[in-house]
């Protein structure tokens, strides 16, 4: 019996030892497998994920270089209106409507009043206390203009009056001559298209048509024609003036002050110098175009 009990105890002890020894290797094997699988699986899954996310972020942040061409396009668009707003086109549009500057030939007329005298006549020859005075007359005629808006040549054909008046108190003796003046003037103009100033000067030739002699003495007056027989009808001299031209319609209205100085002679050979101060208004219109 004792032998049987000892055998049973030994078998039980051996089984208990086997049972204790078996889980030990199982525990050692299972953590190894778990750690290896965890180490191999988790890093492989984690590594590609951030790599993919990093690439996606860099692709999303790429529009930075795309903003530069947009700024260059905006600069180009800003420069374009500056070229369109150039002042040269405005000046061309401003001068285009002026018709007087688009023609090399102009024609017109002028009409005005005169204040004249004749140098070389001594008042003392008419009596004591006699004084010389100017006479009032008028003038008018046609004018022609050849050239550009700044420099031109302007010949004219004018009917005008020259004279002198000798006074002694209420009494007087007046000489007045009717003359055709043909000046050829060089004209220079400057200023704005619608308002221009000008000066002119040149030679003038004159032909005396006739004259009248008027006398007033002791309250009585009489007049008669001047005999031009054997008298020099031709004279020459110089003429010049200045004025302003204002654009009006197709042409320009001209206001001008002018002075003429002639050289002539009397029947007895006395040298005379008819002089005329003229104030006139005229209108000059262009014909044709450039």
C-alpha atoms as a PDB file:
ATOM      1  CA  UNK A   1       0.000   0.000   0.000  1.00  0.00           C
ATOM      2  CA  UNK A   2       2.751   2.306   0.862  1.00  0.00           C
ATOM      3  CA  UNK A   3       4.265   1.538  -2.415  1.00  0.00           C
ATOM      4  CA  UNK A   4       1.103   2.382  -4.260  1.00  0.00           C
ATOM      5  CA  UNK A   5       0.732   5.684  -2.435  1.00  0.00           C
ATOM      6  CA  UNK A   6       4.243   6.645  -3.229  1.00  0.00           C
ATOM      7  CA  UNK A   7       3.707   5.892  -6.894  1.00  0.00           C
ATOM      8  CA  UNK A   8       0.557   7.943  -6.947  1.00  0.00           C
ATOM      9  CA  UNK A   9       2.290  10.861  -5.305  1.00  0.00           C
ATOM     10  CA  UNK A  10       5.130  10.664  -7.760  1.00  0.00           C
ATOM     11  CA  UNK A  11       2.746  10.598 -10.693  1.00  0.00           C
ATOM     12  CA  UNK A  12       0.884  13.552  -9.334  1.00  0.00           C
ATOM     13  CA  UNK A  13       4.047  15.489  -8.743  1.00  0.00           C
ATOM     14  CA  UNK A  14       5.286  14.746 -12.219  1.00  0.00           C
ATOM     15  CA  UNK A  15       2.009  15.831 -13.773  1.00  0.00           C
ATOM     16  CA  UNK A  16       2.035  19.004 -11.741  1.00  0.00           C
ATOM     17  CA  UNK A  17       5.545  19.688 -12.862  1.00  0.00           C
ATOM     18  CA  UNK A  18       4.620  19.061 -16.438  1.00  0.00           C
ATOM     19  CA  UNK A  19       1.650  21.349 -16.120  1.00  0.00           C
ATOM     20  CA  UNK A  20       3.816  24.110 -14.706  1.00  0.00           C
ATOM     21  CA  UNK A  21       6.512  23.597 -17.276  1.00  0.00           C
ATOM     22  CA  UNK A  22       4.190  23.692 -20.260  1.00  0.00           C
ATOM     23  CA  UNK A  23       2.805  27.236 -19.846  1.00  0.00           C
ATOM     24  CA  UNK A  24       6.235  28.644 -19.405  1.00  0.00           C
ATOM     25  CA  UNK A  25       7.394  27.967 -22.935  1.00  0.00           C
ATOM     26  CA  UNK A  26       3.997  29.069 -24.230  1.00  0.00           C
ATOM     27  CA  UNK A  27       4.391  32.418 -22.572  1.00  0.00           C
ATOM     28  CA  UNK A  28       7.855  32.831 -23.921  1.00  0.00           C
ATOM     29  CA  UNK A  29       6.800  31.980 -27.450  1.00  0.00           C
ATOM     30  CA  UNK A  30       3.685  34.052 -27.624  1.00  0.00           C
ATOM     31  CA  UNK A  31       5.221  37.409 -26.617  1.00  0.00           C
ATOM     32  CA  UNK A  32       7.994  36.908 -29.083  1.00  0.00           C
ATOM     33  CA  UNK A  33       5.557  36.396 -31.880  1.00  0.00           C
ATOM     34  CA  UNK A  34       3.420  39.298 -30.773  1.00  0.00           C
ATOM     35  CA  UNK A  35       6.340  41.658 -30.499  1.00  0.00           C
ATOM     36  CA  UNK A  36       7.706  40.703 -33.865  1.00  0.00           C
ATOM     37  CA  UNK A  37       4.402  41.083 -35.578  1.00  0.00           C
ATOM     38  CA  UNK A  38       3.704  44.326 -33.844  1.00  0.00           C
ATOM     39  CA  UNK A  39       7.117  45.633 -34.732  1.00  0.00           C
ATOM     40  CA  UNK A  40       6.888  44.633 -38.322  1.00  0.00           C
ATOM     41  CA  UNK A  41       3.297  45.646 -38.978  1.00  0.00           C
ATOM     42  CA  UNK A  42       2.933  48.924 -37.130  1.00  0.00           C
ATOM     43  CA  UNK A  43       6.001  50.742 -38.456  1.00  0.00           C
ATOM     44  CA  UNK A  44       5.222  49.645 -41.990  1.00  0.00           C
ATOM     45  CA  UNK A  45       1.718  51.079 -41.696  1.00  0.00           C
ATOM     46  CA  UNK A  46       2.839  54.274 -39.988  1.00  0.00           C
ATOM     47  CA  UNK A  47       5.731  55.105 -42.274  1.00  0.00           C
ATOM     48  CA  UNK A  48       3.854  55.306 -45.583  1.00  0.00           C
ATOM     49  CA  UNK A  49       0.990  57.233 -44.001  1.00  0.00           C
ATOM     50  CA  UNK A  50       3.017  60.301 -42.985  1.00  0.00           C
ATOM     51  CA  UNK A  51       4.965  60.115 -46.221  1.00  0.00           C
ATOM     52  CA  UNK A  52       1.765  60.304 -48.203  1.00  0.00           C
ATOM     53  CA  UNK A  53       0.444  63.072 -46.011  1.00  0.00           C
ATOM     54  CA  UNK A  54       3.681  65.048 -46.349  1.00  0.00           C
ATOM     55  CA  UNK A  55       3.565  64.797 -50.132  1.00  0.00           C
ATOM     56  CA  UNK A  56      -0.050  65.894 -50.191  1.00  0.00           C
ATOM     57  CA  UNK A  57       0.733  68.929 -48.063  1.00  0.00           C
ATOM     58  CA  UNK A  58       3.589  70.005 -50.273  1.00  0.00           C
ATOM     59  CA  UNK A  59       1.350  69.674 -53.328  1.00  0.00           C
ATOM     60  CA  UNK A  60      -1.311  71.793 -51.629  1.00  0.00           C
ATOM     61  CA  UNK A  61       1.170  74.514 -50.678  1.00  0.00           C
ATOM     62  CA  UNK A  62       2.475  74.763 -54.256  1.00  0.00           C
ATOM     63  CA  UNK A  63       0.327  77.821 -55.380  1.00  0.00           C
ATOM     64  CA  UNK A  64       2.952  80.215 -54.068  1.00  0.00           C
ATOM     65  CA  UNK A  65       4.822  80.340 -57.422  1.00  0.00           C
ATOM     66  CA  UNK A  66       1.468  80.799 -59.221  1.00  0.00           C
ATOM     67  CA  UNK A  67       0.906  84.194 -57.531  1.00  0.00           C
ATOM     68  CA  UNK A  68       3.916  85.773 -59.236  1.00  0.00           C
ATOM     69  CA  UNK A  69       2.535  85.685 -62.812  1.00  0.00           C
ATOM     70  CA  UNK A  70      -0.715  87.159 -61.460  1.00  0.00           C
ATOM     71  CA  UNK A  71       1.186  90.152 -60.114  1.00  0.00           C
ATOM     72  CA  UNK A  72       3.006  90.551 -63.424  1.00  0.00           C
ATOM     73  CA  UNK A  73      -0.305  90.490 -65.288  1.00  0.00           C
ATOM     74  CA  UNK A  74      -1.668  93.179 -62.981  1.00  0.00           C
ATOM     75  CA  UNK A  75       1.391  95.348 -63.669  1.00  0.00           C
ATOM     76  CA  UNK A  76       0.926  94.880 -67.410  1.00  0.00           C
ATOM     77  CA  UNK A  77      -2.740  95.845 -67.152  1.00  0.00           C
ATOM     78  CA  UNK A  78      -1.763  98.976 -65.194  1.00  0.00           C
ATOM     79  CA  UNK A  79       0.744 100.074 -67.851  1.00  0.00           C
ATOM     80  CA  UNK A  80      -1.725  99.650 -70.718  1.00  0.00           C
ATOM     81  CA  UNK A  81      -4.026 102.606 -69.828  1.00  0.00           C
ATOM     82  CA  UNK A  82      -1.019 104.924 -69.561  1.00  0.00           C
ATOM     83  CA  UNK A  83      -0.261 104.372 -73.238  1.00  0.00           C
ATOM     84  CA  UNK A  84      -3.879 105.042 -74.173  1.00  0.00           C
ATOM     85  CA  UNK A  85      -3.938 108.291 -72.165  1.00  0.00           C
ATOM     86  CA  UNK A  86      -0.994 109.838 -74.032  1.00  0.00           C
ATOM     87  CA  UNK A  87      -1.354 113.668 -74.361  1.00  0.00           C
ATOM     88  CA  UNK A  88      -0.281 113.664 -78.016  1.00  0.00           C
ATOM     89  CA  UNK A  89      -3.670 112.293 -79.168  1.00  0.00           C
ATOM     90  CA  UNK A  90      -5.450 115.019 -77.168  1.00  0.00           C
ATOM     91  CA  UNK A  91      -3.395 117.775 -78.827  1.00  0.00           C
ATOM     92  CA  UNK A  92      -4.163 116.301 -82.254  1.00  0.00           C
ATOM     93  CA  UNK A  93      -7.908 116.266 -81.468  1.00  0.00           C
ATOM     94  CA  UNK A  94      -7.715 119.824 -80.183  1.00  0.00           C
ATOM     95  CA  UNK A  95      -6.070 121.275 -83.271  1.00  0.00           C
ATOM     96  CA  UNK A  96      -8.002 119.233 -85.828  1.00  0.00           C
ATOM     97  CA  UNK A  97     -11.237 121.318 -85.784  1.00  0.00           C
ATOM     98  CA  UNK A  98      -9.420 124.544 -86.635  1.00  0.00           C
ATOM     99  CA  UNK A  99     -10.166 125.075 -90.295  1.00  0.00           C
ATOM    100  CA  UNK A 100      -8.073 128.222 -90.712  1.00  0.00           C
ATOM    101  CA  UNK A 101      -4.869 126.224 -90.169  1.00  0.00           C
ATOM    102  CA  UNK A 102      -5.768 123.610 -92.791  1.00  0.00           C
ATOM    103  CA  UNK A 103      -5.446 125.888 -95.820  1.00  0.00           C
ATOM    104  CA  UNK A 104      -2.566 127.641 -97.575  1.00  0.00           C
ATOM    105  CA  UNK A 105      -4.813 130.257 -99.183  1.00  0.00           C
ATOM    106  CA  UNK A 106      -7.222 132.642 -97.494  1.00  0.00           C
ATOM    107  CA  UNK A 107      -9.283 135.547 -98.734  1.00  0.00           C
ATOM    108  CA  UNK A 108     -11.192 138.255 -96.917  1.00  0.00           C
ATOM    109  CA  UNK A 109     -11.914 141.945 -96.509  1.00  0.00           C
ATOM    110  CA  UNK A 110     -11.238 144.758 -94.106  1.00  0.00           C
ATOM    111  CA  UNK A 111     -12.981 148.062 -93.372  1.00  0.00           C
ATOM    112  CA  UNK A 112     -12.048 150.869 -91.022  1.00  0.00           C
ATOM    113  CA  UNK A 113     -11.309 154.505 -90.265  1.00  0.00           C
ATOM    114  CA  UNK A 114      -8.233 156.659 -90.975  1.00  0.00           C
ATOM    115  CA  UNK A 115      -6.460 159.542 -89.306  1.00  0.00           C
ATOM    116  CA  UNK A 116      -3.990 161.060 -91.780  1.00  0.00           C
ATOM    117  CA  UNK A 117      -1.632 163.951 -92.317  1.00  0.00           C
ATOM    118  CA  UNK A 118       0.886 165.018 -94.954  1.00  0.00           C
ATOM    119  CA  UNK A 119       4.380 165.836 -93.889  1.00  0.00           C
ATOM    120  CA  UNK A 120       6.371 168.422 -95.872  1.00  0.00           C
ATOM    121  CA  UNK A 121       3.620 171.081 -95.957  1.00  0.00           C
ATOM    122  CA  UNK A 122       4.476 174.093 -93.812  1.00  0.00           C
ATOM    123  CA  UNK A 123       1.420 175.664 -92.106  1.00  0.00           C
ATOM    124  CA  UNK A 124       3.071 179.119 -92.139  1.00  0.00           C
ATOM    125  CA  UNK A 125       2.687 179.298 -95.921  1.00  0.00           C
ATOM    126  CA  UNK A 126      -1.094 179.545 -95.473  1.00  0.00           C
ATOM    127  CA  UNK A 127      -0.968 182.484 -93.108  1.00  0.00           C
ATOM    128  CA  UNK A 128      -0.016 183.568 -89.651  1.00  0.00           C
ATOM    129  CA  UNK A 129      -1.353 181.472 -86.791  1.00  0.00           C
ATOM    130  CA  UNK A 130      -2.260 178.570 -89.028  1.00  0.00           C
ATOM    131  CA  UNK A 131      -1.784 175.099 -87.516  1.00  0.00           C
ATOM    132  CA  UNK A 132      -1.725 171.668 -89.104  1.00  0.00           C
ATOM    133  CA  UNK A 133      -4.205 168.996 -88.006  1.00  0.00           C
ATOM    134  CA  UNK A 134      -5.058 165.483 -89.049  1.00  0.00           C
ATOM    135  CA  UNK A 135      -8.062 164.578 -91.191  1.00  0.00           C
ATOM    136  CA  UNK A 136     -10.497 161.726 -90.664  1.00  0.00           C
ATOM    137  CA  UNK A 137     -11.314 159.356 -93.507  1.00  0.00           C
ATOM    138  CA  UNK A 138     -12.009 155.701 -94.151  1.00  0.00           C
ATOM    139  CA  UNK A 139     -10.558 152.719 -95.971  1.00  0.00           C
ATOM    140  CA  UNK A 140     -11.709 149.309 -97.181  1.00  0.00           C
ATOM    141  CA  UNK A 141     -10.755 146.552 -99.574  1.00  0.00           C
ATOM    142  CA  UNK A 142      -9.878 142.908-100.129  1.00  0.00           C
ATOM    143  CA  UNK A 143      -7.035 140.940 -98.595  1.00  0.00           C
ATOM    144  CA  UNK A 144      -5.325 137.722 -99.692  1.00  0.00           C
ATOM    145  CA  UNK A 145      -3.150 135.455 -97.600  1.00  0.00           C
ATOM    146  CA  UNK A 146      -0.738 132.751 -98.766  1.00  0.00           C
ATOM    147  CA  UNK A 147       1.145 130.447 -96.433  1.00  0.00           C
ATOM    148  CA  UNK A 148       0.877 128.542 -93.204  1.00  0.00           C
ATOM    149  CA  UNK A 149      -0.745 129.457 -89.922  1.00  0.00           C
ATOM    150  CA  UNK A 150       2.449 130.949 -88.464  1.00  0.00           C
ATOM    151  CA  UNK A 151       4.148 132.703 -91.409  1.00  0.00           C
ATOM    152  CA  UNK A 152       2.428 133.983 -94.529  1.00  0.00           C
ATOM    153  CA  UNK A 153       2.444 136.642 -97.245  1.00  0.00           C
ATOM    154  CA  UNK A 154      -0.547 138.982 -97.359  1.00  0.00           C
ATOM    155  CA  UNK A 155      -1.117 141.261-100.366  1.00  0.00           C
ATOM    156  CA  UNK A 156      -4.056 143.680-100.226  1.00  0.00           C
ATOM    157  CA  UNK A 157      -5.939 146.106-102.467  1.00  0.00           C
ATOM    158  CA  UNK A 158      -7.317 149.003-100.433  1.00  0.00           C
ATOM    159  CA  UNK A 159      -9.194 152.170-101.159  1.00  0.00           C
ATOM    160  CA  UNK A 160      -8.116 154.763 -98.602  1.00  0.00           C
ATOM    161  CA  UNK A 161      -7.900 158.506 -97.966  1.00  0.00           C
ATOM    162  CA  UNK A 162      -4.949 160.728 -97.073  1.00  0.00           C
ATOM    163  CA  UNK A 163      -5.144 164.405 -96.211  1.00  0.00           C
ATOM    164  CA  UNK A 164      -4.202 167.340 -94.042  1.00  0.00           C
ATOM    165  CA  UNK A 165      -6.127 170.204 -92.455  1.00  0.00           C
ATOM    166  CA  UNK A 166      -4.897 173.778 -91.820  1.00  0.00           C
ATOM    167  CA  UNK A 167      -6.830 175.549 -89.109  1.00  0.00           C
ATOM    168  CA  UNK A 168      -6.939 179.148 -87.910  1.00  0.00           C
ATOM    169  CA  UNK A 169      -9.594 179.443 -85.258  1.00  0.00           C
ATOM    170  CA  UNK A 170     -12.956 178.422 -86.727  1.00  0.00           C
ATOM    171  CA  UNK A 171     -11.608 178.721 -90.275  1.00  0.00           C
ATOM    172  CA  UNK A 172      -9.811 175.875 -92.031  1.00  0.00           C
ATOM    173  CA  UNK A 173      -8.515 174.598 -95.333  1.00  0.00           C
ATOM    174  CA  UNK A 174      -8.584 170.856 -95.906  1.00  0.00           C
ATOM    175  CA  UNK A 175      -6.876 168.700 -98.538  1.00  0.00           C
ATOM    176  CA  UNK A 176      -8.095 165.104 -98.949  1.00  0.00           C
ATOM    177  CA  UNK A 177      -6.852 162.586-101.521  1.00  0.00           C
ATOM    178  CA  UNK A 178      -8.444 159.327-102.639  1.00  0.00           C
ATOM    179  CA  UNK A 179      -5.745 156.698-103.027  1.00  0.00           C
ATOM    180  CA  UNK A 180      -5.438 153.027-103.989  1.00  0.00           C
ATOM    181  CA  UNK A 181      -2.915 151.284-101.705  1.00  0.00           C
ATOM    182  CA  UNK A 182      -1.419 147.909-102.654  1.00  0.00           C
ATOM    183  CA  UNK A 183       0.659 146.620 -99.726  1.00  0.00           C
ATOM    184  CA  UNK A 184       2.504 143.296 -99.743  1.00  0.00           C
ATOM    185  CA  UNK A 185       2.995 142.324 -96.111  1.00  0.00           C
ATOM    186  CA  UNK A 186       4.943 139.597 -94.363  1.00  0.00           C
ATOM    187  CA  UNK A 187       2.770 138.285 -91.565  1.00  0.00           C
ATOM    188  CA  UNK A 188       3.752 136.351 -88.430  1.00  0.00           C
ATOM    189  CA  UNK A 189       1.047 134.829 -86.194  1.00  0.00           C
ATOM    190  CA  UNK A 190       1.278 133.150 -82.799  1.00  0.00           C
ATOM    191  CA  UNK A 191      -0.979 132.090 -79.949  1.00  0.00           C
ATOM    192  CA  UNK A 192      -3.797 129.593 -79.450  1.00  0.00           C
ATOM    193  CA  UNK A 193      -5.784 128.138 -82.382  1.00  0.00           C
ATOM    194  CA  UNK A 194      -8.931 130.083 -81.504  1.00  0.00           C
ATOM    195  CA  UNK A 195      -7.142 133.287 -80.447  1.00  0.00           C
ATOM    196  CA  UNK A 196      -4.016 134.379 -82.312  1.00  0.00           C
ATOM    197  CA  UNK A 197      -1.944 137.560 -82.328  1.00  0.00           C
ATOM    198  CA  UNK A 198      -0.114 138.754 -85.396  1.00  0.00           C
ATOM    199  CA  UNK A 199       2.244 141.411 -86.698  1.00  0.00           C
ATOM    200  CA  UNK A 200       2.855 142.393 -90.302  1.00  0.00           C
ATOM    201  CA  UNK A 201       5.070 144.736 -92.272  1.00  0.00           C
ATOM    202  CA  UNK A 202       6.062 145.327 -95.869  1.00  0.00           C
ATOM    203  CA  UNK A 203       6.252 147.716 -98.813  1.00  0.00           C
ATOM    204  CA  UNK A 204       3.254 149.523-100.269  1.00  0.00           C
ATOM    205  CA  UNK A 205       2.621 151.163-103.623  1.00  0.00           C
ATOM    206  CA  UNK A 206      -0.023 153.883-104.006  1.00  0.00           C
ATOM    207  CA  UNK A 207      -1.869 155.507-106.864  1.00  0.00           C
ATOM    208  CA  UNK A 208      -3.755 158.779-106.330  1.00  0.00           C
ATOM    209  CA  UNK A 209      -7.158 158.804-108.001  1.00  0.00           C
ATOM    210  CA  UNK A 210      -8.016 162.435-107.182  1.00  0.00           C
ATOM    211  CA  UNK A 211      -8.720 164.800-104.345  1.00  0.00           C
ATOM    212  CA  UNK A 212     -10.963 167.501-102.931  1.00  0.00           C
ATOM    213  CA  UNK A 213     -10.233 170.931-101.466  1.00  0.00           C
ATOM    214  CA  UNK A 214     -12.574 172.209 -98.748  1.00  0.00           C
ATOM    215  CA  UNK A 215     -12.466 175.745 -97.324  1.00  0.00           C
ATOM    216  CA  UNK A 216     -14.411 177.321 -94.512  1.00  0.00           C
ATOM    217  CA  UNK A 217     -13.970 181.024 -93.868  1.00  0.00           C
ATOM    218  CA  UNK A 218     -16.142 183.564 -92.033  1.00  0.00           C
ATOM    219  CA  UNK A 219     -18.843 180.983 -91.533  1.00  0.00           C
ATOM    220  CA  UNK A 220     -19.035 180.089 -95.211  1.00  0.00           C
ATOM    221  CA  UNK A 221     -17.755 176.843 -96.744  1.00  0.00           C
ATOM    222  CA  UNK A 222     -17.064 175.668-100.240  1.00  0.00           C
ATOM    223  CA  UNK A 223     -15.307 172.689-101.859  1.00  0.00           C
ATOM    224  CA  UNK A 224     -13.937 171.598-105.217  1.00  0.00           C
ATOM    225  CA  UNK A 225     -11.794 168.978-106.910  1.00  0.00           C
ATOM    226  CA  UNK A 226      -8.037 169.151-106.925  1.00  0.00           C
ATOM    227  CA  UNK A 227      -6.466 169.388-110.355  1.00  0.00           C
ATOM    228  CA  UNK A 228      -4.107 166.426-110.702  1.00  0.00           C
ATOM    229  CA  UNK A 229      -2.722 167.506-114.097  1.00  0.00           C
ATOM    230  CA  UNK A 230       1.069 167.243-114.232  1.00  0.00           C
ATOM    231  CA  UNK A 231       1.029 165.882-110.722  1.00  0.00           C
ATOM    232  CA  UNK A 232       2.721 162.727-109.598  1.00  0.00           C
ATOM    233  CA  UNK A 233       0.070 160.130-108.945  1.00  0.00           C
ATOM    234  CA  UNK A 234       2.390 157.296-107.929  1.00  0.00           C
ATOM    235  CA  UNK A 235       4.047 157.009-104.570  1.00  0.00           C
ATOM    236  CA  UNK A 236       5.582 154.281-102.483  1.00  0.00           C
ATOM    237  CA  UNK A 237       6.390 153.620 -98.884  1.00  0.00           C
ATOM    238  CA  UNK A 238       6.078 151.158 -96.055  1.00  0.00           C
ATOM    239  CA  UNK A 239       3.213 149.820 -93.995  1.00  0.00           C
ATOM    240  CA  UNK A 240       3.001 147.730 -90.838  1.00  0.00           C
ATOM    241  CA  UNK A 241       0.675 146.853 -88.014  1.00  0.00           C
ATOM    242  CA  UNK A 242      -0.429 144.437 -85.329  1.00  0.00           C
ATOM    243  CA  UNK A 243      -3.681 142.841 -84.329  1.00  0.00           C
ATOM    244  CA  UNK A 244      -5.616 139.876 -83.037  1.00  0.00           C
ATOM    245  CA  UNK A 245      -7.575 137.166 -84.866  1.00  0.00           C
ATOM    246  CA  UNK A 246     -10.526 135.404 -83.219  1.00  0.00           C
ATOM    247  CA  UNK A 247     -11.902 132.186 -84.692  1.00  0.00           C
ATOM    248  CA  UNK A 248     -15.519 132.654 -85.858  1.00  0.00           C
ATOM    249  CA  UNK A 249     -17.202 130.070 -88.039  1.00  0.00           C
ATOM    250  CA  UNK A 250     -15.049 128.854 -90.936  1.00  0.00           C
ATOM    251  CA  UNK A 251     -12.768 131.903 -90.762  1.00  0.00           C
ATOM    252  CA  UNK A 252     -11.383 134.432 -88.307  1.00  0.00           C
ATOM    253  CA  UNK A 253     -12.364 137.970 -87.355  1.00  0.00           C
ATOM    254  CA  UNK A 254      -9.354 140.301 -87.360  1.00  0.00           C
ATOM    255  CA  UNK A 255      -8.935 143.534 -85.416  1.00  0.00           C
ATOM    256  CA  UNK A 256      -5.881 145.486 -86.522  1.00  0.00           C
ATOM    257  CA  UNK A 257      -4.101 148.790 -86.001  1.00  0.00           C
ATOM    258  CA  UNK A 258      -1.762 149.848 -88.824  1.00  0.00           C
ATOM    259  CA  UNK A 259       0.401 152.760 -89.888  1.00  0.00           C
ATOM    260  CA  UNK A 260       1.486 153.752 -93.414  1.00  0.00           C
ATOM    261  CA  UNK A 261       4.267 156.151 -94.426  1.00  0.00           C
ATOM    262  CA  UNK A 262       4.567 157.227 -98.083  1.00  0.00           C
ATOM    263  CA  UNK A 263       7.054 159.198-100.146  1.00  0.00           C
ATOM    264  CA  UNK A 264       5.615 161.626-102.730  1.00  0.00           C
ATOM    265  CA  UNK A 265       6.254 165.031-104.294  1.00  0.00           C
ATOM    266  CA  UNK A 266       4.303 168.198-105.075  1.00  0.00           C
ATOM    267  CA  UNK A 267       3.991 170.022-108.390  1.00  0.00           C
ATOM    268  CA  UNK A 268       6.881 172.328-107.538  1.00  0.00           C
ATOM    269  CA  UNK A 269       9.065 169.390-106.494  1.00  0.00           C
ATOM    270  CA  UNK A 270       8.411 169.667-102.762  1.00  0.00           C
ATOM    271  CA  UNK A 271       8.908 166.347-101.048  1.00  0.00           C
ATOM    272  CA  UNK A 272       5.767 165.175 -99.312  1.00  0.00           C
ATOM    273  CA  UNK A 273       5.248 162.368 -96.819  1.00  0.00           C
ATOM    274  CA  UNK A 274       1.620 161.240 -96.564  1.00  0.00           C
ATOM    275  CA  UNK A 275       1.003 159.327 -93.344  1.00  0.00           C
ATOM    276  CA  UNK A 276      -2.009 157.313 -92.308  1.00  0.00           C
ATOM    277  CA  UNK A 277      -3.035 155.705 -89.019  1.00  0.00           C
ATOM    278  CA  UNK A 278      -5.611 152.999 -89.698  1.00  0.00           C
ATOM    279  CA  UNK A 279      -7.909 151.014 -87.409  1.00  0.00           C
ATOM    280  CA  UNK A 280      -9.912 148.264 -89.066  1.00  0.00           C
ATOM    281  CA  UNK A 281     -11.949 145.109 -88.649  1.00  0.00           C
ATOM    282  CA  UNK A 282     -11.847 142.295 -91.164  1.00  0.00           C
ATOM    283  CA  UNK A 283     -12.715 138.693 -91.848  1.00  0.00           C
ATOM    284  CA  UNK A 284     -10.376 136.116 -93.355  1.00  0.00           C
ATOM    285  CA  UNK A 285     -11.720 132.777 -94.577  1.00  0.00           C
ATOM    286  CA  UNK A 286      -9.673 129.775 -95.809  1.00  0.00           C
ATOM    287  CA  UNK A 287     -10.213 128.285 -99.253  1.00  0.00           C
ATOM    288  CA  UNK A 288      -9.172 124.754-100.133  1.00  0.00           C
ATOM    289  CA  UNK A 289      -6.966 122.574 -97.944  1.00  0.00           C
ATOM    290  CA  UNK A 290      -3.432 121.335 -97.588  1.00  0.00           C
END
